[in-house]
Protein backbone atom coordinates (compact mmCIF):
# COMPACT_ATOMS: atom_id res chain seq x y z
CA UNK A 1 -41.13 17.96 156.37
CA UNK A 2 -40.65 19.84 159.66
CA UNK A 3 -43.82 19.90 161.78
CA UNK A 4 -44.96 23.44 162.42
CA UNK A 5 -45.90 24.63 165.86
CA UNK A 6 -49.09 26.51 166.48
CA UNK A 7 -47.26 29.77 165.83
CA UNK A 8 -45.68 28.50 162.62
CA UNK A 9 -42.05 28.84 163.72
CA UNK A 10 -41.22 25.22 162.90
CA UNK A 11 -39.57 24.36 166.22
CA UNK A 12 -42.48 22.18 167.29
CA UNK A 13 -42.64 23.43 170.87
CA UNK A 14 -45.24 26.15 170.42
CA UNK A 15 -42.94 28.92 171.61
CA UNK A 16 -41.57 31.84 169.67
CA UNK A 17 -37.85 32.59 169.84
CA UNK A 18 -38.62 35.52 172.12
CA UNK A 19 -40.67 33.32 174.44
CA UNK A 20 -37.79 30.85 174.60
CA UNK A 21 -35.41 33.66 175.54
CA UNK A 22 -37.84 34.78 178.25
CA UNK A 23 -38.08 31.25 179.70
CA UNK A 24 -34.28 30.99 179.69
CA UNK A 25 -34.01 34.35 181.47
CA UNK A 26 -36.55 33.28 184.12
CA UNK A 27 -34.68 30.00 184.66
CA UNK A 28 -31.49 31.99 185.21
CA UNK A 29 -33.28 34.14 187.79
CA UNK A 30 -34.31 30.95 189.58
CA UNK A 31 -30.64 29.98 189.61
CA UNK A 32 -29.79 33.26 191.31
CA UNK A 33 -32.42 32.55 193.96
CA UNK A 34 -30.78 29.16 194.54
CA UNK A 35 -27.33 30.76 194.78
CA UNK A 36 -28.68 33.08 197.45
CA UNK A 37 -29.84 30.00 199.37
CA UNK A 38 -33.52 30.90 199.10
CA UNK A 39 -34.69 28.10 196.79
CA UNK A 40 -36.14 26.03 199.64
CA UNK A 41 -38.18 28.89 201.09
CA UNK A 42 -41.96 28.78 200.68
CA UNK A 43 -43.30 30.89 197.79
CA UNK A 44 -45.08 33.44 199.99
CA UNK A 45 -41.93 34.13 202.01
CA UNK A 46 -39.75 34.28 198.90
CA UNK A 47 -42.05 36.74 197.15
CA UNK A 48 -42.30 38.82 200.32
CA UNK A 49 -38.51 38.91 200.59
CA UNK A 50 -38.18 39.95 196.95
CA UNK A 51 -40.82 42.65 197.38
CA UNK A 52 -38.97 43.92 200.43
CA UNK A 53 -35.67 43.99 198.54
CA UNK A 54 -37.33 45.78 195.60
CA UNK A 55 -38.64 48.45 197.96
CA UNK A 56 -35.25 48.89 199.61
CA UNK A 57 -33.43 48.94 196.25
CA UNK A 58 -35.40 51.94 195.07
CA UNK A 59 -33.91 54.00 197.91
CA UNK A 60 -30.26 52.99 197.49
CA UNK A 61 -27.65 55.50 196.49
CA UNK A 62 -25.38 54.70 193.53
CA UNK A 63 -22.59 53.82 195.99
CA UNK A 64 -24.88 51.48 197.93
CA UNK A 65 -26.06 49.83 194.70
CA UNK A 66 -22.41 49.33 193.69
CA UNK A 67 -21.70 47.72 197.07
CA UNK A 68 -24.65 45.32 196.73
CA UNK A 69 -23.66 44.51 193.15
CA UNK A 70 -20.12 43.80 194.37
CA UNK A 71 -21.47 41.24 196.86
CA UNK A 72 -23.37 39.53 194.06
CA UNK A 73 -20.40 39.62 191.69
CA UNK A 74 -18.19 38.01 194.35
CA UNK A 75 -20.71 35.19 194.86
CA UNK A 76 -21.05 34.67 191.08
CA UNK A 77 -17.25 34.52 190.73
CA UNK A 78 -17.02 31.99 193.58
CA UNK A 79 -19.82 29.98 192.00
CA UNK A 80 -18.08 29.96 188.61
CA UNK A 81 -14.88 28.65 190.19
CA UNK A 82 -16.77 26.09 192.25
CA UNK A 83 -18.87 25.06 189.28
CA UNK A 84 -15.77 24.40 187.16
CA UNK A 85 -14.24 22.30 189.95
CA UNK A 86 -17.50 20.40 190.46
CA UNK A 87 -17.90 19.69 186.74
CA UNK A 88 -14.34 18.40 186.55
CA UNK A 89 -14.82 16.13 189.55
CA UNK A 90 -18.21 14.99 188.27
CA UNK A 91 -16.77 13.98 184.89
CA UNK A 92 -13.97 12.11 186.64
CA UNK A 93 -16.45 10.20 188.80
CA UNK A 94 -18.86 9.39 185.95
CA UNK A 95 -21.80 10.58 188.02
CA UNK A 96 -25.36 10.78 186.77
CA UNK A 97 -27.08 13.82 188.26
CA UNK A 98 -30.75 13.28 189.01
CA UNK A 99 -33.42 15.21 190.83
CA UNK A 100 -35.71 13.33 193.16
CA UNK A 101 -38.54 14.54 195.34
CA UNK A 102 -38.46 13.85 199.08
CA UNK A 103 -41.22 11.29 198.53
CA UNK A 104 -39.12 9.47 195.93
CA UNK A 105 -36.05 9.43 198.20
CA UNK A 106 -38.17 8.04 201.04
CA UNK A 107 -39.48 5.29 198.77
CA UNK A 108 -35.96 4.34 197.69
CA UNK A 109 -34.72 4.22 201.28
CA UNK A 110 -37.62 1.99 202.29
CA UNK A 111 -37.17 -0.23 199.22
CA UNK A 112 -33.56 -0.74 200.33
CA UNK A 113 -34.79 -1.85 203.74
CA UNK A 114 -33.98 1.37 205.55
CA UNK A 115 -36.16 3.71 207.57
CA UNK A 116 -36.70 7.15 206.07
CA UNK A 117 -36.38 10.03 208.55
CA UNK A 118 -39.26 12.45 208.96
CA UNK A 119 -36.87 15.40 208.59
CA UNK A 120 -36.40 15.88 204.84
CA UNK A 121 -33.01 17.54 205.37
CA UNK A 122 -31.69 14.15 206.55
CA UNK A 123 -32.98 12.15 203.58
CA UNK A 124 -29.80 12.25 201.50
CA UNK A 125 -27.70 11.07 204.43
CA UNK A 126 -30.19 8.26 205.13
CA UNK A 127 -30.17 7.26 201.46
CA UNK A 128 -26.37 7.19 201.41
CA UNK A 129 -26.34 5.03 204.54
CA UNK A 130 -28.94 2.65 203.10
CA UNK A 131 -26.97 2.30 199.87
CA UNK A 132 -23.74 1.71 201.80
CA UNK A 133 -25.39 -1.02 203.88
CA UNK A 134 -26.78 -2.75 200.80
CA UNK A 135 -23.40 -2.53 199.03
CA UNK A 136 -21.60 -3.89 202.11
CA UNK A 137 -24.05 -6.83 202.31
CA UNK A 138 -23.52 -7.74 198.67
CA UNK A 139 -19.73 -7.40 198.80
C-alpha cells in the first residue's frame, strides 16, 4: 500500500504536482541568479537589485528587451557548453560533489592540522593545501 500524503496524491511528500513544478521553477530561477554571479550577495541587496531590474525592464523597448535577452541567451549557451565539459571531466575523475558551509570547511582544515583563514573566499584554497600536506606526509 502506498502511503498517502496529506493531500492524498500518494507521493508521500505533501506536495501536489503543481506545487512540485513551482518548486522546480523557483530552483531554476535560483540557478539563473547563480549564473549571473549574484548568489553570494546578501538577500536585501539581491532583492533590491531585482526590484531595480524589474523597474527598468518595464521601460525597455522591444529592441532593448531583445538585446538583454540575447545577453542572457549567450550566457546560457556558454553555460551549457561548459556544463557538458565539466560533467565529462567530473565523470572521468570520479569526483563526489558536496556542499559544505564555511564553518564546516574551517572545521575540516583545523582537523587536518591547518589554520583556517578568516576570509571565507580563501577557504577552498586553504583546504586544498591542508589536504595536499596531509597526503604528502602519508606518502
